[in-house]
PDB file of N, CA and C in Angstrom:
ATOM      1  N   UNK A   1     122.167  95.017 113.801  1.00  0.00           N
ATOM      2  CA  UNK A   1     121.741  95.623 115.053  1.00  0.00           C
ATOM      3  C   UNK A   1     120.513  96.496 114.775  1.00  0.00           C
ATOM      4  N   UNK A   2     119.453  96.337 115.545  1.00  0.00           N
ATOM      5  CA  UNK A   2     118.239  97.146 115.337  1.00  0.00           C
ATOM      6  C   UNK A   2     118.515  98.629 115.565  1.00  0.00           C
ATOM      7  N   UNK A   3     117.815  99.448 114.789  1.00  0.00           N
ATOM      8  CA  UNK A   3     117.915 100.898 114.945  1.00  0.00           C
ATOM      9  C   UNK A   3     116.529 101.447 115.228  1.00  0.00           C
ATOM     10  N   UNK A   4     116.481 102.578 115.900  1.00  0.00           N
ATOM     11  CA  UNK A   4     115.223 103.243 116.193  1.00  0.00           C
ATOM     12  C   UNK A   4     114.901 104.212 115.065  1.00  0.00           C
ATOM     13  N   UNK A   5     113.661 104.162 114.590  1.00  0.00           N
ATOM     14  CA  UNK A   5     113.181 105.068 113.556  1.00  0.00           C
ATOM     15  C   UNK A   5     111.910 105.718 114.091  1.00  0.00           C
ATOM     16  N   UNK A   6     111.855 107.027 114.034  1.00  0.00           N
ATOM     17  CA  UNK A   6     110.656 107.734 114.490  1.00  0.00           C
ATOM     18  C   UNK A   6     109.686 107.883 113.330  1.00  0.00           C
ATOM     19  N   UNK A   7     108.426 107.595 113.590  1.00  0.00           N
ATOM     20  CA  UNK A   7     107.380 107.688 112.572  1.00  0.00           C
ATOM     21  C   UNK A   7     106.263 108.552 113.121  1.00  0.00           C
ATOM     22  N   UNK A   8     105.812 109.512 112.324  1.00  0.00           N
ATOM     23  CA  UNK A   8     104.707 110.364 112.730  1.00  0.00           C
ATOM     24  C   UNK A   8     103.449 109.904 112.002  1.00  0.00           C
ATOM     25  N   UNK A   9     102.388 109.652 112.766  1.00  0.00           N
ATOM     26  CA  UNK A   9     101.108 109.234 112.195  1.00  0.00           C
ATOM     27  C   UNK A   9     100.050 110.278 112.504  1.00  0.00           C
ATOM     28  N   UNK A  10      99.062 110.367 111.622  1.00  0.00           N
ATOM     29  CA  UNK A  10      97.954 111.274 111.908  1.00  0.00           C
ATOM     30  C   UNK A  10      97.064 110.652 112.987  1.00  0.00           C
ATOM     31  N   UNK A  11      96.180 111.471 113.541  1.00  0.00           N
ATOM     32  CA  UNK A  11      95.342 111.022 114.662  1.00  0.00           C
ATOM     33  C   UNK A  11      94.509 109.791 114.328  1.00  0.00           C
ATOM     34  N   UNK A  12      93.993 109.734 113.109  1.00  0.00           N
ATOM     35  CA  UNK A  12      93.153 108.601 112.701  1.00  0.00           C
ATOM     36  C   UNK A  12      93.949 107.298 112.717  1.00  0.00           C
ATOM     37  N   UNK A  13      95.160 107.331 112.196  1.00  0.00           N
ATOM     38  CA  UNK A  13      95.978 106.116 112.160  1.00  0.00           C
ATOM     39  C   UNK A  13      96.498 105.750 113.554  1.00  0.00           C
ATOM     40  N   UNK A  14      96.763 106.743 114.388  1.00  0.00           N
ATOM     41  CA  UNK A  14      97.179 106.462 115.764  1.00  0.00           C
ATOM     42  C   UNK A  14      96.054 105.735 116.500  1.00  0.00           C
ATOM     43  N   UNK A  15      94.830 106.209 116.315  1.00  0.00           N
ATOM     44  CA  UNK A  15      93.678 105.578 116.964  1.00  0.00           C
ATOM     45  C   UNK A  15      93.484 104.152 116.454  1.00  0.00           C
ATOM     46  N   UNK A  16      93.633 103.964 115.153  1.00  0.00           N
ATOM     47  CA  UNK A  16      93.473 102.633 114.571  1.00  0.00           C
ATOM     48  C   UNK A  16      94.557 101.691 115.087  1.00  0.00           C
ATOM     49  N   UNK A  17      95.798 102.179 115.148  1.00  0.00           N
ATOM     50  CA  UNK A  17      96.888 101.378 115.672  1.00  0.00           C
ATOM     51  C   UNK A  17      96.625 100.997 117.130  1.00  0.00           C
ATOM     52  N   UNK A  18      96.139 101.943 117.911  1.00  0.00           N
ATOM     53  CA  UNK A  18      95.840 101.682 119.325  1.00  0.00           C
ATOM     54  C   UNK A  18      94.759 100.608 119.463  1.00  0.00           C
ATOM     55  N   UNK A  19      93.702 100.700 118.636  1.00  0.00           N
ATOM     56  CA  UNK A  19      92.630  99.694 118.694  1.00  0.00           C
ATOM     57  C   UNK A  19      93.157  98.309 118.319  1.00  0.00           C
ATOM     58  N   UNK A  20      93.954  98.247 117.258  1.00  0.00           N
ATOM     59  CA  UNK A  20      94.513  96.960 116.832  1.00  0.00           C
ATOM     60  C   UNK A  20      95.427  96.374 117.909  1.00  0.00           C
ATOM     61  N   UNK A  21      96.278  97.212 118.483  1.00  0.00           N
ATOM     62  CA  UNK A  21      97.197  96.740 119.514  1.00  0.00           C
ATOM     63  C   UNK A  21      96.432  96.226 120.734  1.00  0.00           C
ATOM     64  N   UNK A  22      95.371  96.940 121.106  1.00  0.00           N
ATOM     65  CA  UNK A  22      94.566  96.504 122.252  1.00  0.00           C
ATOM     66  C   UNK A  22      93.912  95.151 121.982  1.00  0.00           C
ATOM     67  N   UNK A  23      93.345  94.988 120.779  1.00  0.00           N
ATOM     68  CA  UNK A  23      92.712  93.711 120.427  1.00  0.00           C
ATOM     69  C   UNK A  23      93.713  92.571 120.406  1.00  0.00           C
ATOM     70  N   UNK A  24      94.955  92.883 120.005  1.00  0.00           N
ATOM     71  CA  UNK A  24      95.980  91.845 119.899  1.00  0.00           C
ATOM     72  C   UNK A  24      96.761  91.687 121.203  1.00  0.00           C
ATOM     73  N   UNK A  25      96.502  92.566 122.174  1.00  0.00           N
ATOM     74  CA  UNK A  25      97.174  92.539 123.465  1.00  0.00           C
ATOM     75  C   UNK A  25      98.695  92.651 123.320  1.00  0.00           C
ATOM     76  N   UNK A  26      99.107  93.639 122.489  1.00  0.00           N
ATOM     77  CA  UNK A  26     100.531  93.948 122.313  1.00  0.00           C
ATOM     78  C   UNK A  26     100.721  95.456 122.440  1.00  0.00           C
ATOM     79  N   UNK A  27     101.945  95.863 122.647  1.00  0.00           N
ATOM     80  CA  UNK A  27     102.260  97.284 122.706  1.00  0.00           C
ATOM     81  C   UNK A  27     102.119  97.898 121.313  1.00  0.00           C
ATOM     82  N   UNK A  28     101.669  99.151 121.268  1.00  0.00           N
ATOM     83  CA  UNK A  28     101.502  99.838 119.988  1.00  0.00           C
ATOM     84  C   UNK A  28     102.805  99.894 119.202  1.00  0.00           C
ATOM     85  N   UNK A  29     103.912 100.180 119.873  1.00  0.00           N
ATOM     86  CA  UNK A  29     105.202 100.263 119.194  1.00  0.00           C
ATOM     87  C   UNK A  29     105.609  98.941 118.567  1.00  0.00           C
ATOM     88  N   UNK A  30     105.326  97.846 119.274  1.00  0.00           N
ATOM     89  CA  UNK A  30     105.638  96.512 118.743  1.00  0.00           C
ATOM     90  C   UNK A  30     104.820  96.244 117.488  1.00  0.00           C
ATOM     91  N   UNK A  31     103.528  96.532 117.558  1.00  0.00           N
ATOM     92  CA  UNK A  31     102.664  96.321 116.403  1.00  0.00           C
ATOM     93  C   UNK A  31     103.092  97.202 115.234  1.00  0.00           C
ATOM     94  N   UNK A  32     103.396  98.468 115.514  1.00  0.00           N
ATOM     95  CA  UNK A  32     103.830  99.380 114.451  1.00  0.00           C
ATOM     96  C   UNK A  32     105.096  98.862 113.783  1.00  0.00           C
ATOM     97  N   UNK A  33     106.042  98.355 114.568  1.00  0.00           N
ATOM     98  CA  UNK A  33     107.284  97.819 114.010  1.00  0.00           C
ATOM     99  C   UNK A  33     107.022  96.622 113.106  1.00  0.00           C
ATOM    100  N   UNK A  34     106.148  95.732 113.558  1.00  0.00           N
ATOM    101  CA  UNK A  34     105.828  94.543 112.762  1.00  0.00           C
ATOM    102  C   UNK A  34     105.127  94.940 111.462  1.00  0.00           C
ATOM    103  N   UNK A  35     104.144  95.841 111.564  1.00  0.00           N
ATOM    104  CA  UNK A  35     103.414  96.268 110.364  1.00  0.00           C
ATOM    105  C   UNK A  35     104.341  96.944 109.362  1.00  0.00           C
ATOM    106  N   UNK A  36     105.225  97.783 109.843  1.00  0.00           N
ATOM    107  CA  UNK A  36     106.167  98.460 108.955  1.00  0.00           C
ATOM    108  C   UNK A  36     107.127  97.459 108.324  1.00  0.00           C
ATOM    109  N   UNK A  37     107.621  96.514 109.106  1.00  0.00           N
ATOM    110  CA  UNK A  37     108.527  95.497 108.567  1.00  0.00           C
ATOM    111  C   UNK A  37     107.854  94.678 107.474  1.00  0.00           C
ATOM    112  N   UNK A  38     106.598  94.283 107.701  1.00  0.00           N
ATOM    113  CA  UNK A  38     105.862  93.507 106.690  1.00  0.00           C
ATOM    114  C   UNK A  38     105.667  94.339 105.424  1.00  0.00           C
ATOM    115  N   UNK A  39     105.286  95.600 105.583  1.00  0.00           N
ATOM    116  CA  UNK A  39     105.084  96.471 104.425  1.00  0.00           C
ATOM    117  C   UNK A  39     106.377  96.627 103.631  1.00  0.00           C
ATOM    118  N   UNK A  40     107.482  96.811 104.329  1.00  0.00           N
ATOM    119  CA  UNK A  40     108.771  96.962 103.646  1.00  0.00           C
ATOM    120  C   UNK A  40     109.145  95.669 102.926  1.00  0.00           C
ATOM    121  N   UNK A  41     108.929  94.536 103.580  1.00  0.00           N
ATOM    122  CA  UNK A  41     109.256  93.249 102.966  1.00  0.00           C
ATOM    123  C   UNK A  41     108.430  92.989 101.708  1.00  0.00           C
ATOM    124  N   UNK A  42     107.222  93.515 101.650  1.00  0.00           N
ATOM    125  CA  UNK A  42     106.349  93.276 100.506  1.00  0.00           C
ATOM    126  C   UNK A  42     106.598  94.238  99.347  1.00  0.00           C
ATOM    127  N   UNK A  43     107.404  95.264  99.575  1.00  0.00           N
ATOM    128  CA  UNK A  43     107.700  96.231  98.515  1.00  0.00           C
ATOM    129  C   UNK A  43     108.625  95.640  97.471  1.00  0.00           C
ATOM    130  N   UNK A  44     108.416  96.065  96.256  1.00  0.00           N
ATOM    131  CA  UNK A  44     109.329  95.729  95.177  1.00  0.00           C
ATOM    132  C   UNK A  44     110.592  96.562  95.387  1.00  0.00           C
ATOM    133  N   UNK A  45     111.746  95.990  95.185  1.00  0.00           N
ATOM    134  CA  UNK A  45     112.982  96.718  95.414  1.00  0.00           C
ATOM    135  C   UNK A  45     113.286  97.763  94.346  1.00  0.00           C
ATOM    136  N   UNK A  46     112.511  97.804  93.311  1.00  0.00           N
ATOM    137  CA  UNK A  46     112.699  98.798  92.263  1.00  0.00           C
ATOM    138  C   UNK A  46     112.437 100.190  92.832  1.00  0.00           C
ATOM    139  N   UNK A  47     113.444 101.039  92.814  1.00  0.00           N
ATOM    140  CA  UNK A  47     113.322 102.370  93.390  1.00  0.00           C
ATOM    141  C   UNK A  47     112.192 103.178  92.754  1.00  0.00           C
ATOM    142  N   UNK A  48     111.983 103.022  91.475  1.00  0.00           N
ATOM    143  CA  UNK A  48     110.915 103.762  90.786  1.00  0.00           C
ATOM    144  C   UNK A  48     109.558 103.321  91.328  1.00  0.00           C
ATOM    145  N   UNK A  49     109.394 102.036  91.565  1.00  0.00           N
ATOM    146  CA  UNK A  49     108.139 101.538  92.114  1.00  0.00           C
ATOM    147  C   UNK A  49     107.874 102.096  93.504  1.00  0.00           C
ATOM    148  N   UNK A  50     108.924 102.199  94.300  1.00  0.00           N
ATOM    149  CA  UNK A  50     108.782 102.753  95.648  1.00  0.00           C
ATOM    150  C   UNK A  50     108.417 104.228  95.565  1.00  0.00           C
ATOM    151  N   UNK A  51     109.095 104.962  94.683  1.00  0.00           N
ATOM    152  CA  UNK A  51     108.786 106.389  94.516  1.00  0.00           C
ATOM    153  C   UNK A  51     107.348 106.579  94.054  1.00  0.00           C
ATOM    154  N   UNK A  52     106.899 105.749  93.120  1.00  0.00           N
ATOM    155  CA  UNK A  52     105.511 105.840  92.651  1.00  0.00           C
ATOM    156  C   UNK A  52     104.530 105.546  93.777  1.00  0.00           C
ATOM    157  N   UNK A  53     104.851 104.539  94.588  1.00  0.00           N
ATOM    158  CA  UNK A  53     103.995 104.191  95.716  1.00  0.00           C
ATOM    159  C   UNK A  53     103.892 105.366  96.688  1.00  0.00           C
ATOM    160  N   UNK A  54     105.015 105.959  97.018  1.00  0.00           N
ATOM    161  CA  UNK A  54     105.009 107.089  97.951  1.00  0.00           C
ATOM    162  C   UNK A  54     104.295 108.301  97.360  1.00  0.00           C
ATOM    163  N   UNK A  55     104.485 108.545  96.069  1.00  0.00           N
ATOM    164  CA  UNK A  55     103.819 109.674  95.413  1.00  0.00           C
ATOM    165  C   UNK A  55     102.299 109.507  95.395  1.00  0.00           C
ATOM    166  N   UNK A  56     101.822 108.267  95.468  1.00  0.00           N
ATOM    167  CA  UNK A  56     100.385 108.006  95.418  1.00  0.00           C
ATOM    168  C   UNK A  56      99.694 108.243  96.765  1.00  0.00           C
ATOM    169  N   UNK A  57     100.450 108.414  97.823  1.00  0.00           N
ATOM    170  CA  UNK A  57      99.868 108.635  99.145  1.00  0.00           C
ATOM    171  C   UNK A  57      99.498 110.107  99.279  1.00  0.00           C
ATOM    172  N   UNK A  58      98.204 110.420  99.452  1.00  0.00           N
ATOM    173  CA  UNK A  58      97.790 111.827  99.567  1.00  0.00           C
ATOM    174  C   UNK A  58      98.482 112.523 100.732  1.00  0.00           C
ATOM    175  N   UNK A  59      99.120 113.641 100.459  1.00  0.00           N
ATOM    176  CA  UNK A  59      99.760 114.442 101.492  1.00  0.00           C
ATOM    177  C   UNK A  59     101.064 113.886 102.025  1.00  0.00           C
ATOM    178  N   UNK A  60     101.578 112.817 101.412  1.00  0.00           N
ATOM    179  CA  UNK A  60     102.771 112.156 101.942  1.00  0.00           C
ATOM    180  C   UNK A  60     103.987 113.081 101.947  1.00  0.00           C
ATOM    181  N   UNK A  61     104.179 113.816 100.886  1.00  0.00           N
ATOM    182  CA  UNK A  61     105.360 114.674 100.796  1.00  0.00           C
ATOM    183  C   UNK A  61     105.337 115.719 101.912  1.00  0.00           C
ATOM    184  N   UNK A  62     104.199 116.356 102.100  1.00  0.00           N
ATOM    185  CA  UNK A  62     104.074 117.366 103.150  1.00  0.00           C
ATOM    186  C   UNK A  62     104.271 116.779 104.531  1.00  0.00           C
ATOM    187  N   UNK A  63     103.716 115.576 104.770  1.00  0.00           N
ATOM    188  CA  UNK A  63     103.878 114.935 106.075  1.00  0.00           C
ATOM    189  C   UNK A  63     105.329 114.532 106.304  1.00  0.00           C
ATOM    190  N   UNK A  64     106.005 114.092 105.243  1.00  0.00           N
ATOM    191  CA  UNK A  64     107.412 113.725 105.373  1.00  0.00           C
ATOM    192  C   UNK A  64     108.254 114.942 105.718  1.00  0.00           C
ATOM    193  N   UNK A  65     107.989 116.043 105.049  1.00  0.00           N
ATOM    194  CA  UNK A  65     108.734 117.277 105.342  1.00  0.00           C
ATOM    195  C   UNK A  65     108.467 117.743 106.774  1.00  0.00           C
ATOM    196  N   UNK A  66     107.198 117.647 107.189  1.00  0.00           N
ATOM    197  CA  UNK A  66     106.848 118.020 108.566  1.00  0.00           C
ATOM    198  C   UNK A  66     107.583 117.123 109.560  1.00  0.00           C
ATOM    199  N   UNK A  67     107.632 115.827 109.287  1.00  0.00           N
ATOM    200  CA  UNK A  67     108.332 114.894 110.162  1.00  0.00           C
ATOM    201  C   UNK A  67     109.816 115.220 110.277  1.00  0.00           C
ATOM    202  N   UNK A  68     110.418 115.594 109.162  1.00  0.00           N
ATOM    203  CA  UNK A  68     111.837 115.972 109.180  1.00  0.00           C
ATOM    204  C   UNK A  68     112.038 117.221 110.031  1.00  0.00           C
ATOM    205  N   UNK A  69     111.167 118.198 109.843  1.00  0.00           N
ATOM    206  CA  UNK A  69     111.255 119.427 110.634  1.00  0.00           C
ATOM    207  C   UNK A  69     111.067 119.134 112.123  1.00  0.00           C
ATOM    208  N   UNK A  70     110.088 118.284 112.445  1.00  0.00           N
ATOM    209  CA  UNK A  70     109.850 117.932 113.847  1.00  0.00           C
ATOM    210  C   UNK A  70     111.039 117.186 114.438  1.00  0.00           C
ATOM    211  N   UNK A  71     111.638 116.299 113.661  1.00  0.00           N
ATOM    212  CA  UNK A  71     112.802 115.553 114.148  1.00  0.00           C
ATOM    213  C   UNK A  71     113.969 116.496 114.417  1.00  0.00           C
ATOM    214  N   UNK A  72     114.164 117.450 113.550  1.00  0.00           N
ATOM    215  CA  UNK A  72     115.247 118.422 113.758  1.00  0.00           C
ATOM    216  C   UNK A  72     115.033 119.241 115.027  1.00  0.00           C
ATOM    217  N   UNK A  73     113.758 119.458 115.380  1.00  0.00           N
ATOM    218  CA  UNK A  73     113.436 120.221 116.601  1.00  0.00           C
ATOM    219  C   UNK A  73     113.263 119.293 117.806  1.00  0.00           C
ATOM    220  N   UNK A  74     113.583 118.024 117.646  1.00  0.00           N
ATOM    221  CA  UNK A  74     113.429 117.017 118.717  1.00  0.00           C
ATOM    222  C   UNK A  74     111.992 116.945 119.212  1.00  0.00           C
ATOM    223  N   UNK A  75     111.040 117.027 118.298  1.00  0.00           N
ATOM    224  CA  UNK A  75     109.622 116.969 118.653  1.00  0.00           C
ATOM    225  C   UNK A  75     108.997 115.631 118.267  1.00  0.00           C
ATOM    226  N   UNK A  76     109.770 114.570 118.307  1.00  0.00           N
ATOM    227  CA  UNK A  76     109.261 113.256 117.947  1.00  0.00           C
ATOM    228  C   UNK A  76     109.296 112.337 119.160  1.00  0.00           C
ATOM    229  N   UNK A  77     108.565 111.244 119.082  1.00  0.00           N
ATOM    230  CA  UNK A  77     108.540 110.242 120.145  1.00  0.00           C
ATOM    231  C   UNK A  77     109.020 108.917 119.570  1.00  0.00           C
ATOM    232  N   UNK A  78     110.049 108.348 120.132  1.00  0.00           N
ATOM    233  CA  UNK A  78     110.496 107.038 119.655  1.00  0.00           C
ATOM    234  C   UNK A  78     109.371 106.011 119.791  1.00  0.00           C
ATOM    235  N   UNK A  79     109.289 105.091 118.847  1.00  0.00           N
ATOM    236  CA  UNK A  79     108.222 104.088 118.856  1.00  0.00           C
ATOM    237  C   UNK A  79     108.179 103.304 120.168  1.00  0.00           C
ATOM    238  N   UNK A  80     109.335 103.019 120.752  1.00  0.00           N
ATOM    239  CA  UNK A  80     109.340 102.208 121.981  1.00  0.00           C
ATOM    240  C   UNK A  80     108.722 102.973 123.168  1.00  0.00           C
ATOM    241  N   UNK A  81     108.504 104.285 123.021  1.00  0.00           N
ATOM    242  CA  UNK A  81     107.879 105.046 124.097  1.00  0.00           C
ATOM    243  C   UNK A  81     106.374 105.214 123.891  1.00  0.00           C
ATOM    244  N   UNK A  82     105.853 104.733 122.800  1.00  0.00           N
ATOM    245  CA  UNK A  82     104.406 104.859 122.551  1.00  0.00           C
ATOM    246  C   UNK A  82     103.640 103.844 123.364  1.00  0.00           C
TER     247      UNK A  82
END
């Protein structure tokens, strides 16, 4: 059964997602779901590899913590509402 996952993106990535969705004539949430699914499918299942990948993203830890804090305060938007 599908589950809803909230994802917080910076303004630059939101704009890029919006442009891509417009060019493809799909909803932003649909495109975001597909892109995330493809990225997850392409990951190596080795937990160390995933941790290394996440550690290589500039500012990822801080953004993840911010996202958790925002979710706890109900300050997120479900992807299907984007």
